Amino acid sequence: MGEKPLSKLYDISMTIHADMPSWGNDPAKKPRIENVQNHDQGQPHESLLSQNLHTGTHVDAPLHMIAGGDTIETIPLEQLVGPARVLDLTHVEDSIAKADLEPFAIRKGERLLFKTSSSFSEEFRDDFVFLREDGARYLAEIGIRVAAIDALGIERSQEGYPTHRTLMKSGVVIVEGLRLKDVPAGNYWLVVAPLKLTGTEAAPARAFLIGEE
């Protein structure tokens, strides 16, 4: 009783609600939560959720960008759970390049979370900071495990989606839609738990970090 906790938990997931940010501010991609029965009807309260798999915090599978690519259930949980590092990239404008990543001395097998200016906005912005192709190629060559970002996408404005394709072909798992505003840069234990779907190109996920108090 009265013992001080040994760790601090950071919930880095987006809250799912009808007015949450969606890609391109497209209303069709916002979640719909509908009550289908309730206590006034003499029934247990139940609701129906309908949402795009890329809305909110989610994990991409290769099928998203590669025809015939692997689907979400092929990604082992072991790749999404383990030691991770939050990189402070809040000073970066427009895109994260190789030169922005080199000072971090990134090592093979790391799980990396990119904290950008997106963490300080609750709206979708067309000019969100993204991972540029040369940055993705640099990370793929090192051989990291996870590339996670606080924007709803890890790339924009690149024909052919080379960032996605480069990472996916190298076995790097992409996580998008994190919330890192209150998370200091540094080392943590990461847990990303995508819904146990099968045959799909993505899955919504609950994500959190555990760090020292």
N, C-alpha and C. Protein backbone atom coordinates (compact mmCIF):
# COMPACT_ATOMS: atom_id res chain seq x y z
N MET A 1 0.83 -1.20 0.00
CA MET A 1 0.00 0.00 0.00
C MET A 1 0.86 1.24 0.00
N GLY A 2 0.46 2.23 -0.80
CA GLY A 2 1.17 3.49 -0.82
C GLY A 2 2.49 3.45 -1.57
N GLU A 3 2.77 2.35 -2.29
CA GLU A 3 4.01 2.27 -3.04
C GLU A 3 3.95 3.16 -4.28
N LYS A 4 5.08 3.77 -4.57
CA LYS A 4 5.17 4.64 -5.75
C LYS A 4 5.23 3.77 -7.02
N PRO A 5 4.42 4.08 -8.04
CA PRO A 5 4.47 3.29 -9.27
C PRO A 5 5.84 3.38 -9.93
N LEU A 6 6.26 2.26 -10.51
CA LEU A 6 7.58 2.20 -11.12
C LEU A 6 7.58 2.69 -12.56
N SER A 7 6.42 2.88 -13.13
CA SER A 7 6.36 3.28 -14.53
C SER A 7 5.18 4.20 -14.79
N LYS A 8 5.25 4.90 -15.92
CA LYS A 8 4.18 5.80 -16.34
C LYS A 8 3.63 5.32 -17.67
N LEU A 9 2.34 5.30 -17.80
CA LEU A 9 1.69 4.84 -19.02
C LEU A 9 1.17 6.04 -19.81
N TYR A 10 1.49 6.05 -21.10
CA TYR A 10 1.00 7.09 -22.01
C TYR A 10 0.08 6.45 -23.04
N ASP A 11 -1.17 6.85 -23.04
CA ASP A 11 -2.10 6.40 -24.07
C ASP A 11 -1.85 7.26 -25.30
N ILE A 12 -1.39 6.66 -26.38
CA ILE A 12 -1.03 7.42 -27.58
C ILE A 12 -2.00 7.13 -28.73
N SER A 13 -3.21 6.72 -28.38
CA SER A 13 -4.24 6.43 -29.38
C SER A 13 -5.17 7.62 -29.57
N MET A 14 -5.69 7.76 -30.76
CA MET A 14 -6.73 8.76 -31.02
C MET A 14 -8.06 8.25 -30.49
N THR A 15 -8.87 9.15 -29.96
CA THR A 15 -10.21 8.79 -29.50
C THR A 15 -11.15 8.70 -30.70
N ILE A 16 -11.89 7.62 -30.79
CA ILE A 16 -12.81 7.43 -31.91
C ILE A 16 -14.14 8.10 -31.60
N HIS A 17 -14.52 9.06 -32.41
CA HIS A 17 -15.81 9.73 -32.27
C HIS A 17 -16.22 10.30 -33.62
N ALA A 18 -17.46 10.69 -33.74
CA ALA A 18 -18.03 11.07 -35.03
C ALA A 18 -17.38 12.29 -35.67
N ASP A 19 -16.80 13.17 -34.84
CA ASP A 19 -16.21 14.39 -35.37
C ASP A 19 -14.69 14.36 -35.38
N MET A 20 -14.10 13.20 -35.24
CA MET A 20 -12.63 13.11 -35.19
C MET A 20 -12.04 13.45 -36.55
N PRO A 21 -10.75 13.81 -36.59
CA PRO A 21 -10.11 14.10 -37.88
C PRO A 21 -10.12 12.88 -38.79
N SER A 22 -10.28 13.10 -40.06
CA SER A 22 -10.23 12.02 -41.04
C SER A 22 -9.38 12.47 -42.22
N TRP A 23 -8.89 11.52 -42.97
CA TRP A 23 -8.00 11.84 -44.10
C TRP A 23 -8.71 12.76 -45.08
N GLY A 24 -8.08 13.89 -45.37
CA GLY A 24 -8.65 14.84 -46.30
C GLY A 24 -9.91 15.51 -45.81
N ASN A 25 -10.19 15.38 -44.51
CA ASN A 25 -11.43 15.91 -43.93
C ASN A 25 -12.66 15.38 -44.66
N ASP A 26 -12.55 14.17 -45.17
CA ASP A 26 -13.64 13.53 -45.90
C ASP A 26 -14.69 13.02 -44.91
N PRO A 27 -15.92 13.57 -44.94
CA PRO A 27 -16.96 13.10 -44.01
C PRO A 27 -17.24 11.61 -44.12
N ALA A 28 -17.07 11.05 -45.31
CA ALA A 28 -17.35 9.63 -45.51
C ALA A 28 -16.37 8.74 -44.75
N LYS A 29 -15.22 9.30 -44.36
CA LYS A 29 -14.22 8.51 -43.65
C LYS A 29 -14.30 8.68 -42.14
N LYS A 30 -15.24 9.50 -41.69
CA LYS A 30 -15.42 9.66 -40.24
C LYS A 30 -16.24 8.49 -39.69
N PRO A 31 -15.98 8.09 -38.46
CA PRO A 31 -16.73 6.97 -37.88
C PRO A 31 -18.20 7.31 -37.70
N ARG A 32 -19.02 6.29 -37.76
CA ARG A 32 -20.45 6.43 -37.47
C ARG A 32 -20.78 5.46 -36.34
N ILE A 33 -21.29 6.01 -35.24
CA ILE A 33 -21.67 5.19 -34.10
C ILE A 33 -23.18 5.31 -33.93
N GLU A 34 -23.86 4.21 -34.12
CA GLU A 34 -25.32 4.21 -34.13
C GLU A 34 -25.87 3.30 -33.04
N ASN A 35 -26.80 3.84 -32.26
CA ASN A 35 -27.46 3.02 -31.26
C ASN A 35 -28.50 2.13 -31.96
N VAL A 36 -28.39 0.83 -31.76
CA VAL A 36 -29.30 -0.10 -32.44
C VAL A 36 -30.36 -0.69 -31.51
N GLN A 37 -30.12 -0.62 -30.22
CA GLN A 37 -31.17 -0.97 -29.25
C GLN A 37 -30.78 -0.38 -27.91
N ASN A 38 -31.79 -0.13 -27.04
CA ASN A 38 -31.48 0.55 -25.78
C ASN A 38 -32.48 0.17 -24.69
N HIS A 39 -32.24 0.71 -23.49
CA HIS A 39 -33.04 0.36 -22.33
C HIS A 39 -34.48 0.87 -22.44
N ASP A 40 -34.69 1.99 -23.17
CA ASP A 40 -36.05 2.49 -23.36
C ASP A 40 -36.91 1.49 -24.12
N GLN A 41 -36.26 0.62 -24.89
CA GLN A 41 -36.97 -0.41 -25.64
C GLN A 41 -37.07 -1.72 -24.85
N GLY A 42 -36.57 -1.66 -23.61
CA GLY A 42 -36.57 -2.87 -22.80
C GLY A 42 -35.48 -3.84 -23.19
N GLN A 43 -34.43 -3.33 -23.83
CA GLN A 43 -33.34 -4.17 -24.32
C GLN A 43 -32.00 -3.69 -23.75
N PRO A 44 -31.00 -4.55 -23.71
CA PRO A 44 -29.66 -4.08 -23.36
C PRO A 44 -29.18 -3.04 -24.37
N HIS A 45 -28.41 -2.08 -23.89
CA HIS A 45 -27.91 -1.01 -24.77
C HIS A 45 -26.83 -1.57 -25.69
N GLU A 46 -26.98 -1.41 -27.00
CA GLU A 46 -26.00 -1.87 -27.98
C GLU A 46 -25.83 -0.83 -29.07
N SER A 47 -24.60 -0.74 -29.60
CA SER A 47 -24.29 0.24 -30.64
C SER A 47 -23.56 -0.43 -31.79
N LEU A 48 -23.64 0.20 -32.95
CA LEU A 48 -22.97 -0.28 -34.15
C LEU A 48 -21.93 0.75 -34.57
N LEU A 49 -20.69 0.30 -34.78
CA LEU A 49 -19.61 1.17 -35.23
C LEU A 49 -19.28 0.86 -36.68
N SER A 50 -19.22 1.91 -37.51
CA SER A 50 -18.80 1.77 -38.89
C SER A 50 -17.70 2.80 -39.16
N GLN A 51 -16.52 2.34 -39.58
CA GLN A 51 -15.45 3.30 -39.86
C GLN A 51 -14.45 2.75 -40.86
N ASN A 52 -13.80 3.66 -41.56
CA ASN A 52 -12.71 3.31 -42.46
C ASN A 52 -11.56 2.76 -41.63
N LEU A 53 -10.89 1.73 -42.10
CA LEU A 53 -9.82 1.10 -41.32
C LEU A 53 -8.60 2.00 -41.16
N HIS A 54 -8.54 3.09 -41.94
CA HIS A 54 -7.40 4.01 -41.87
C HIS A 54 -7.75 5.30 -41.11
N THR A 55 -8.87 5.30 -40.43
CA THR A 55 -9.26 6.44 -39.61
C THR A 55 -8.77 6.21 -38.19
N GLY A 56 -8.16 7.25 -37.61
CA GLY A 56 -7.64 7.11 -36.26
C GLY A 56 -6.34 6.34 -36.23
N THR A 57 -5.95 5.90 -35.05
CA THR A 57 -4.72 5.14 -34.88
C THR A 57 -4.88 3.76 -35.54
N HIS A 58 -3.96 3.43 -36.43
CA HIS A 58 -4.10 2.17 -37.16
C HIS A 58 -2.75 1.65 -37.65
N VAL A 59 -2.75 0.39 -38.02
CA VAL A 59 -1.57 -0.27 -38.57
C VAL A 59 -1.84 -0.60 -40.03
N ASP A 60 -0.88 -0.27 -40.89
CA ASP A 60 -0.99 -0.60 -42.31
C ASP A 60 -0.35 -1.96 -42.58
N ALA A 61 -0.97 -2.75 -43.43
CA ALA A 61 -0.36 -3.98 -43.93
C ALA A 61 0.07 -3.75 -45.38
N PRO A 62 1.02 -4.53 -45.89
CA PRO A 62 1.52 -4.32 -47.27
C PRO A 62 0.44 -4.25 -48.34
N LEU A 63 -0.67 -4.98 -48.17
CA LEU A 63 -1.73 -4.96 -49.18
C LEU A 63 -2.24 -3.55 -49.44
N HIS A 64 -2.10 -2.66 -48.48
CA HIS A 64 -2.58 -1.28 -48.64
C HIS A 64 -1.96 -0.61 -49.87
N MET A 65 -0.68 -0.90 -50.13
CA MET A 65 0.02 -0.23 -51.22
C MET A 65 0.62 -1.17 -52.25
N ILE A 66 0.61 -2.47 -51.96
CA ILE A 66 1.25 -3.43 -52.85
C ILE A 66 0.22 -4.48 -53.28
N ALA A 67 -0.05 -4.56 -54.57
CA ALA A 67 -1.00 -5.55 -55.07
C ALA A 67 -0.55 -6.95 -54.70
N GLY A 68 -1.45 -7.71 -54.07
CA GLY A 68 -1.11 -9.06 -53.65
C GLY A 68 -0.27 -9.11 -52.39
N GLY A 69 -0.12 -7.97 -51.72
CA GLY A 69 0.70 -7.90 -50.52
C GLY A 69 0.06 -8.60 -49.33
N ASP A 70 0.86 -8.80 -48.30
CA ASP A 70 0.38 -9.48 -47.10
C ASP A 70 -0.72 -8.67 -46.41
N THR A 71 -1.61 -9.38 -45.74
CA THR A 71 -2.72 -8.75 -45.04
C THR A 71 -2.40 -8.62 -43.55
N ILE A 72 -3.27 -7.95 -42.83
CA ILE A 72 -2.97 -7.49 -41.48
C ILE A 72 -2.65 -8.62 -40.51
N GLU A 73 -3.28 -9.78 -40.68
CA GLU A 73 -3.07 -10.85 -39.69
C GLU A 73 -1.68 -11.49 -39.82
N THR A 74 -0.94 -11.15 -40.87
CA THR A 74 0.41 -11.71 -41.03
C THR A 74 1.45 -10.96 -40.22
N ILE A 75 1.08 -9.80 -39.68
CA ILE A 75 2.03 -9.02 -38.88
C ILE A 75 2.05 -9.59 -37.46
N PRO A 76 3.17 -10.11 -37.01
CA PRO A 76 3.22 -10.70 -35.67
C PRO A 76 3.17 -9.62 -34.59
N LEU A 77 2.44 -9.90 -33.52
CA LEU A 77 2.37 -8.94 -32.42
C LEU A 77 3.74 -8.63 -31.85
N GLU A 78 4.65 -9.60 -31.92
CA GLU A 78 5.99 -9.39 -31.38
C GLU A 78 6.70 -8.21 -32.05
N GLN A 79 6.31 -7.92 -33.29
CA GLN A 79 6.94 -6.79 -33.99
C GLN A 79 6.41 -5.45 -33.48
N LEU A 80 5.19 -5.49 -32.94
CA LEU A 80 4.54 -4.26 -32.50
C LEU A 80 4.63 -4.04 -30.99
N VAL A 81 5.26 -4.95 -30.29
CA VAL A 81 5.39 -4.85 -28.83
C VAL A 81 6.87 -5.00 -28.47
N GLY A 82 7.39 -4.02 -27.70
CA GLY A 82 8.78 -4.12 -27.27
C GLY A 82 9.41 -2.76 -27.08
N PRO A 83 10.71 -2.73 -26.87
CA PRO A 83 11.42 -1.45 -26.68
C PRO A 83 11.23 -0.53 -27.89
N ALA A 84 11.08 0.76 -27.62
CA ALA A 84 10.85 1.73 -28.69
C ALA A 84 11.46 3.07 -28.30
N ARG A 85 11.59 3.94 -29.29
CA ARG A 85 12.16 5.25 -29.04
C ARG A 85 11.32 6.33 -29.72
N VAL A 86 10.98 7.36 -28.96
CA VAL A 86 10.28 8.52 -29.51
C VAL A 86 11.33 9.55 -29.93
N LEU A 87 11.30 9.92 -31.21
CA LEU A 87 12.24 10.91 -31.74
C LEU A 87 11.55 12.26 -31.83
N ASP A 88 12.16 13.28 -31.27
CA ASP A 88 11.61 14.63 -31.33
C ASP A 88 11.95 15.26 -32.67
N LEU A 89 10.94 15.36 -33.54
CA LEU A 89 11.10 15.96 -34.87
C LEU A 89 10.15 17.14 -35.02
N THR A 90 9.80 17.74 -33.89
CA THR A 90 8.84 18.85 -33.91
C THR A 90 9.40 20.09 -34.62
N HIS A 91 10.71 20.14 -34.80
CA HIS A 91 11.34 21.28 -35.48
C HIS A 91 11.31 21.13 -37.00
N VAL A 92 10.99 19.95 -37.48
CA VAL A 92 11.04 19.67 -38.91
C VAL A 92 9.82 20.28 -39.61
N GLU A 93 10.07 20.90 -40.74
CA GLU A 93 8.99 21.45 -41.56
C GLU A 93 8.87 20.63 -42.85
N ASP A 94 7.68 20.42 -43.29
CA ASP A 94 7.33 19.74 -44.53
C ASP A 94 7.58 18.24 -44.49
N SER A 95 8.86 17.80 -44.40
CA SER A 95 9.11 16.36 -44.50
C SER A 95 10.36 15.96 -43.73
N ILE A 96 10.36 14.71 -43.28
CA ILE A 96 11.49 14.13 -42.56
C ILE A 96 12.41 13.46 -43.57
N ALA A 97 13.62 13.98 -43.69
CA ALA A 97 14.59 13.46 -44.65
C ALA A 97 15.65 12.64 -43.94
N LYS A 98 16.48 11.99 -44.71
CA LYS A 98 17.59 11.22 -44.15
C LYS A 98 18.44 12.07 -43.24
N ALA A 99 18.71 13.31 -43.64
CA ALA A 99 19.55 14.21 -42.85
C ALA A 99 18.95 14.50 -41.49
N ASP A 100 17.62 14.48 -41.38
CA ASP A 100 16.95 14.73 -40.10
C ASP A 100 17.09 13.52 -39.16
N LEU A 101 17.26 12.34 -39.74
CA LEU A 101 17.30 11.10 -38.96
C LEU A 101 18.71 10.70 -38.55
N GLU A 102 19.71 11.09 -39.33
CA GLU A 102 21.09 10.66 -39.08
C GLU A 102 21.60 11.00 -37.68
N PRO A 103 21.27 12.17 -37.11
CA PRO A 103 21.79 12.49 -35.77
C PRO A 103 21.33 11.55 -34.66
N PHE A 104 20.28 10.74 -34.90
CA PHE A 104 19.74 9.88 -33.86
C PHE A 104 20.46 8.53 -33.73
N ALA A 105 21.44 8.28 -34.59
CA ALA A 105 22.21 7.03 -34.53
C ALA A 105 21.28 5.82 -34.43
N ILE A 106 20.38 5.72 -35.38
CA ILE A 106 19.37 4.67 -35.40
C ILE A 106 20.03 3.31 -35.64
N ARG A 107 19.53 2.30 -34.91
CA ARG A 107 20.12 0.96 -34.98
C ARG A 107 19.13 -0.04 -35.57
N LYS A 108 19.66 -1.13 -36.09
CA LYS A 108 18.85 -2.20 -36.65
C LYS A 108 17.90 -2.74 -35.58
N GLY A 109 16.65 -3.01 -35.98
CA GLY A 109 15.69 -3.61 -35.09
C GLY A 109 14.92 -2.64 -34.22
N GLU A 110 15.18 -1.35 -34.34
CA GLU A 110 14.48 -0.38 -33.50
C GLU A 110 13.03 -0.18 -33.93
N ARG A 111 12.22 0.18 -32.94
CA ARG A 111 10.85 0.64 -33.17
C ARG A 111 10.87 2.14 -32.94
N LEU A 112 10.55 2.92 -33.97
CA LEU A 112 10.69 4.37 -33.90
C LEU A 112 9.34 5.07 -34.01
N LEU A 113 9.13 6.06 -33.16
CA LEU A 113 7.93 6.89 -33.20
C LEU A 113 8.35 8.32 -33.50
N PHE A 114 7.79 8.89 -34.55
CA PHE A 114 8.16 10.23 -34.98
C PHE A 114 7.19 11.26 -34.40
N LYS A 115 7.69 12.06 -33.49
CA LYS A 115 6.88 13.13 -32.89
C LYS A 115 7.09 14.40 -33.70
N THR A 116 6.02 14.85 -34.38
CA THR A 116 6.09 16.02 -35.25
C THR A 116 5.08 17.06 -34.78
N SER A 117 4.96 18.12 -35.55
CA SER A 117 4.00 19.17 -35.23
C SER A 117 2.56 18.67 -35.27
N SER A 118 2.32 17.53 -35.90
CA SER A 118 0.96 16.98 -35.97
C SER A 118 0.40 16.65 -34.59
N SER A 119 1.28 16.35 -33.64
CA SER A 119 0.81 16.00 -32.31
C SER A 119 0.15 17.18 -31.59
N PHE A 120 0.37 18.38 -32.09
CA PHE A 120 -0.15 19.57 -31.43
C PHE A 120 -1.37 20.15 -32.15
N SER A 121 -1.92 19.37 -33.08
CA SER A 121 -3.11 19.79 -33.81
C SER A 121 -4.17 18.70 -33.72
N GLU A 122 -5.40 19.10 -33.54
CA GLU A 122 -6.51 18.15 -33.48
C GLU A 122 -7.28 18.13 -34.79
N GLU A 123 -6.71 18.71 -35.83
CA GLU A 123 -7.35 18.76 -37.14
C GLU A 123 -6.45 18.13 -38.19
N PHE A 124 -7.07 17.62 -39.26
CA PHE A 124 -6.28 17.13 -40.38
C PHE A 124 -5.78 18.32 -41.19
N ARG A 125 -4.48 18.33 -41.46
CA ARG A 125 -3.87 19.40 -42.26
C ARG A 125 -3.25 18.79 -43.50
N ASP A 126 -3.49 19.41 -44.64
CA ASP A 126 -2.93 18.91 -45.90
C ASP A 126 -1.42 18.98 -45.93
N ASP A 127 -0.82 19.85 -45.11
CA ASP A 127 0.63 20.04 -45.12
C ASP A 127 1.31 19.35 -43.94
N PHE A 128 0.74 18.26 -43.44
CA PHE A 128 1.34 17.57 -42.30
C PHE A 128 2.76 17.09 -42.64
N VAL A 129 3.59 17.03 -41.62
CA VAL A 129 4.97 16.57 -41.79
C VAL A 129 4.96 15.06 -42.05
N PHE A 130 5.67 14.65 -43.09
CA PHE A 130 5.68 13.24 -43.48
C PHE A 130 7.10 12.73 -43.63
N LEU A 131 7.24 11.42 -43.77
CA LEU A 131 8.53 10.79 -43.98
C LEU A 131 8.82 10.73 -45.47
N ARG A 132 9.87 11.41 -45.88
CA ARG A 132 10.23 11.48 -47.29
C ARG A 132 10.86 10.17 -47.77
N GLU A 133 10.87 9.98 -49.08
CA GLU A 133 11.38 8.73 -49.64
C GLU A 133 12.82 8.43 -49.21
N ASP A 134 13.69 9.43 -49.21
CA ASP A 134 15.08 9.16 -48.85
C ASP A 134 15.20 8.79 -47.37
N GLY A 135 14.31 9.34 -46.52
CA GLY A 135 14.29 8.95 -45.12
C GLY A 135 13.83 7.52 -44.96
N ALA A 136 12.82 7.13 -45.72
CA ALA A 136 12.31 5.76 -45.67
C ALA A 136 13.36 4.77 -46.15
N ARG A 137 14.06 5.12 -47.20
CA ARG A 137 15.11 4.25 -47.73
C ARG A 137 16.24 4.08 -46.71
N TYR A 138 16.59 5.16 -46.03
CA TYR A 138 17.62 5.12 -44.99
C TYR A 138 17.21 4.17 -43.86
N LEU A 139 15.95 4.25 -43.41
CA LEU A 139 15.46 3.40 -42.33
C LEU A 139 15.37 1.94 -42.77
N ALA A 140 14.97 1.72 -44.02
CA ALA A 140 14.87 0.36 -44.54
C ALA A 140 16.25 -0.28 -44.64
N GLU A 141 17.24 0.49 -45.03
CA GLU A 141 18.60 -0.03 -45.13
C GLU A 141 19.16 -0.40 -43.77
N ILE A 142 18.82 0.38 -42.74
CA ILE A 142 19.25 0.06 -41.38
C ILE A 142 18.56 -1.21 -40.89
N GLY A 143 17.27 -1.34 -41.26
CA GLY A 143 16.52 -2.52 -40.85
C GLY A 143 15.74 -2.34 -39.57
N ILE A 144 15.02 -1.22 -39.46
CA ILE A 144 14.19 -1.01 -38.27
C ILE A 144 12.95 -1.91 -38.34
N ARG A 145 12.26 -2.04 -37.21
CA ARG A 145 11.07 -2.89 -37.16
C ARG A 145 9.78 -2.13 -37.39
N VAL A 146 9.69 -0.94 -36.78
CA VAL A 146 8.44 -0.17 -36.82
C VAL A 146 8.75 1.29 -37.12
N ALA A 147 7.97 1.89 -38.01
CA ALA A 147 7.99 3.32 -38.28
C ALA A 147 6.61 3.85 -37.97
N ALA A 148 6.49 4.65 -36.91
CA ALA A 148 5.19 5.13 -36.46
C ALA A 148 5.19 6.65 -36.43
N ILE A 149 4.06 7.25 -36.80
CA ILE A 149 3.99 8.70 -36.90
C ILE A 149 2.68 9.23 -36.34
N ASP A 150 2.68 10.50 -35.98
CA ASP A 150 1.52 11.11 -35.35
C ASP A 150 0.56 11.76 -36.34
N ALA A 151 0.84 11.67 -37.63
CA ALA A 151 -0.10 12.12 -38.65
C ALA A 151 -0.97 10.95 -39.08
N LEU A 152 -2.05 11.23 -39.78
CA LEU A 152 -2.92 10.15 -40.26
C LEU A 152 -2.30 9.37 -41.42
N GLY A 153 -1.20 9.89 -41.94
CA GLY A 153 -0.47 9.19 -42.99
C GLY A 153 1.02 9.38 -42.77
N ILE A 154 1.82 8.44 -43.26
CA ILE A 154 3.27 8.58 -43.13
C ILE A 154 3.86 9.28 -44.34
N GLU A 155 3.01 9.48 -45.39
CA GLU A 155 3.52 10.22 -46.54
C GLU A 155 2.40 10.95 -47.27
N ARG A 156 2.81 11.93 -48.06
CA ARG A 156 1.92 12.67 -48.94
C ARG A 156 2.77 13.26 -50.06
N SER A 157 2.13 13.70 -51.13
CA SER A 157 2.79 14.45 -52.20
C SER A 157 3.96 13.72 -52.84
N GLN A 158 3.89 12.39 -52.88
CA GLN A 158 4.93 11.61 -53.54
C GLN A 158 4.25 10.61 -54.47
N GLU A 159 4.47 10.76 -55.76
CA GLU A 159 3.81 9.89 -56.73
C GLU A 159 4.25 8.45 -56.55
N GLY A 160 3.29 7.55 -56.51
CA GLY A 160 3.60 6.13 -56.41
C GLY A 160 3.81 5.64 -54.98
N TYR A 161 3.64 6.51 -54.01
CA TYR A 161 3.76 6.15 -52.58
C TYR A 161 5.08 5.43 -52.26
N PRO A 162 6.21 6.02 -52.60
CA PRO A 162 7.50 5.33 -52.39
C PRO A 162 7.86 5.12 -50.93
N THR A 163 7.40 6.00 -50.03
CA THR A 163 7.71 5.80 -48.61
C THR A 163 7.04 4.53 -48.11
N HIS A 164 5.74 4.42 -48.34
CA HIS A 164 5.03 3.21 -47.95
C HIS A 164 5.68 1.96 -48.57
N ARG A 165 5.88 1.99 -49.85
CA ARG A 165 6.36 0.81 -50.56
C ARG A 165 7.77 0.40 -50.11
N THR A 166 8.63 1.38 -49.91
CA THR A 166 9.99 1.09 -49.48
C THR A 166 9.99 0.41 -48.11
N LEU A 167 9.22 0.96 -47.18
CA LEU A 167 9.16 0.38 -45.84
C LEU A 167 8.52 -1.00 -45.86
N MET A 168 7.40 -1.11 -46.56
CA MET A 168 6.68 -2.39 -46.59
C MET A 168 7.50 -3.51 -47.22
N LYS A 169 8.19 -3.21 -48.29
CA LYS A 169 8.99 -4.23 -48.97
C LYS A 169 10.18 -4.67 -48.11
N SER A 170 10.54 -3.85 -47.14
CA SER A 170 11.66 -4.19 -46.25
C SER A 170 11.19 -4.79 -44.93
N GLY A 171 9.88 -5.01 -44.80
CA GLY A 171 9.37 -5.62 -43.59
C GLY A 171 9.18 -4.67 -42.42
N VAL A 172 9.20 -3.36 -42.70
CA VAL A 172 8.98 -2.37 -41.65
C VAL A 172 7.48 -2.15 -41.50
N VAL A 173 6.97 -2.28 -40.28
CA VAL A 173 5.55 -2.08 -40.04
C VAL A 173 5.26 -0.58 -39.86
N ILE A 174 4.22 -0.09 -40.53
CA ILE A 174 3.84 1.30 -40.47
C ILE A 174 2.64 1.47 -39.53
N VAL A 175 2.79 2.39 -38.58
CA VAL A 175 1.70 2.75 -37.68
C VAL A 175 1.43 4.24 -37.86
N GLU A 176 0.17 4.60 -38.03
CA GLU A 176 -0.20 6.00 -38.29
C GLU A 176 -1.27 6.46 -37.30
N GLY A 177 -1.34 7.79 -37.10
CA GLY A 177 -2.38 8.36 -36.26
C GLY A 177 -2.11 8.30 -34.77
N LEU A 178 -0.85 8.40 -34.37
CA LEU A 178 -0.53 8.42 -32.95
C LEU A 178 -0.77 9.80 -32.35
N ARG A 179 -0.85 9.87 -31.02
CA ARG A 179 -0.96 11.13 -30.29
C ARG A 179 0.23 11.20 -29.33
N LEU A 180 1.18 12.08 -29.62
CA LEU A 180 2.43 12.14 -28.86
C LEU A 180 2.67 13.48 -28.19
N LYS A 181 1.65 14.31 -28.12
CA LYS A 181 1.79 15.66 -27.56
C LYS A 181 2.43 15.67 -26.19
N ASP A 182 2.01 14.79 -25.31
CA ASP A 182 2.46 14.80 -23.92
C ASP A 182 3.57 13.79 -23.65
N VAL A 183 4.16 13.25 -24.71
CA VAL A 183 5.19 12.22 -24.55
C VAL A 183 6.57 12.82 -24.81
N PRO A 184 7.43 12.87 -23.81
CA PRO A 184 8.80 13.36 -24.03
C PRO A 184 9.58 12.40 -24.93
N ALA A 185 10.54 12.94 -25.65
CA ALA A 185 11.42 12.08 -26.45
C ALA A 185 12.17 11.14 -25.52
N GLY A 186 12.47 9.95 -26.01
CA GLY A 186 13.22 9.01 -25.19
C GLY A 186 12.81 7.57 -25.41
N ASN A 187 13.22 6.72 -24.49
CA ASN A 187 13.02 5.28 -24.60
C ASN A 187 11.81 4.81 -23.80
N TYR A 188 11.07 3.87 -24.38
CA TYR A 188 9.83 3.37 -23.77
C TYR A 188 9.65 1.90 -24.12
N TRP A 189 8.59 1.32 -23.53
CA TRP A 189 8.09 0.02 -23.96
C TRP A 189 6.81 0.30 -24.74
N LEU A 190 6.76 -0.14 -25.98
CA LEU A 190 5.64 0.13 -26.88
C LEU A 190 4.71 -1.06 -26.97
N VAL A 191 3.40 -0.78 -26.94
CA VAL A 191 2.39 -1.79 -27.22
C VAL A 191 1.42 -1.22 -28.26
N VAL A 192 1.35 -1.86 -29.40
CA VAL A 192 0.37 -1.52 -30.43
C VAL A 192 -0.44 -2.79 -30.69
N ALA A 193 -1.75 -2.71 -30.47
CA ALA A 193 -2.61 -3.90 -30.58
C ALA A 193 -3.68 -3.67 -31.64
N PRO A 194 -3.40 -4.05 -32.89
CA PRO A 194 -4.43 -3.91 -33.93
C PRO A 194 -5.56 -4.90 -33.72
N LEU A 195 -6.76 -4.53 -34.14
CA LEU A 195 -7.88 -5.46 -34.09
C LEU A 195 -7.52 -6.74 -34.85
N LYS A 196 -7.98 -7.86 -34.34
CA LYS A 196 -7.63 -9.15 -34.94
C LYS A 196 -8.52 -9.44 -36.14
N LEU A 197 -8.30 -8.65 -37.19
CA LEU A 197 -9.01 -8.83 -38.46
C LEU A 197 -8.22 -9.80 -39.33
N THR A 198 -8.83 -10.23 -40.40
CA THR A 198 -8.13 -11.08 -41.35
C THR A 198 -8.49 -10.67 -42.77
N GLY A 199 -7.49 -10.73 -43.65
CA GLY A 199 -7.72 -10.45 -45.06
C GLY A 199 -7.82 -8.97 -45.41
N THR A 200 -7.52 -8.07 -44.46
CA THR A 200 -7.64 -6.64 -44.73
C THR A 200 -6.28 -5.98 -44.84
N GLU A 201 -6.27 -4.76 -45.37
CA GLU A 201 -5.03 -4.02 -45.60
C GLU A 201 -4.62 -3.14 -44.43
N ALA A 202 -5.44 -3.11 -43.38
CA ALA A 202 -5.14 -2.29 -42.21
C ALA A 202 -6.05 -2.71 -41.07
N ALA A 203 -5.76 -2.19 -39.89
CA ALA A 203 -6.63 -2.44 -38.74
C ALA A 203 -6.48 -1.31 -37.74
N PRO A 204 -7.60 -0.82 -37.17
CA PRO A 204 -7.52 0.15 -36.08
C PRO A 204 -6.78 -0.48 -34.91
N ALA A 205 -6.11 0.35 -34.10
CA ALA A 205 -5.30 -0.18 -33.01
C ALA A 205 -5.38 0.69 -31.77
N ARG A 206 -5.22 0.06 -30.63
CA ARG A 206 -4.98 0.78 -29.38
C ARG A 206 -3.48 0.76 -29.17
N ALA A 207 -2.90 1.90 -28.87
CA ALA A 207 -1.46 1.99 -28.71
C ALA A 207 -1.12 2.74 -27.42
N PHE A 208 -0.09 2.26 -26.74
CA PHE A 208 0.38 2.98 -25.56
C PHE A 208 1.86 2.73 -25.33
N LEU A 209 2.45 3.63 -24.55
CA LEU A 209 3.85 3.55 -24.18
C LEU A 209 3.97 3.44 -22.68
N ILE A 210 4.94 2.69 -22.22
CA ILE A 210 5.24 2.60 -20.80
C ILE A 210 6.67 3.09 -20.60
N GLY A 211 6.81 4.08 -19.72
CA GLY A 211 8.13 4.64 -19.45
C GLY A 211 8.34 4.79 -17.96
N GLU A 212 9.54 5.19 -17.58
CA GLU A 212 9.84 5.39 -16.17
C GLU A 212 9.09 6.59 -15.63
N GLU A 213 8.66 6.49 -14.38
CA GLU A 213 7.92 7.58 -13.72
C GLU A 213 8.84 8.79 -13.55
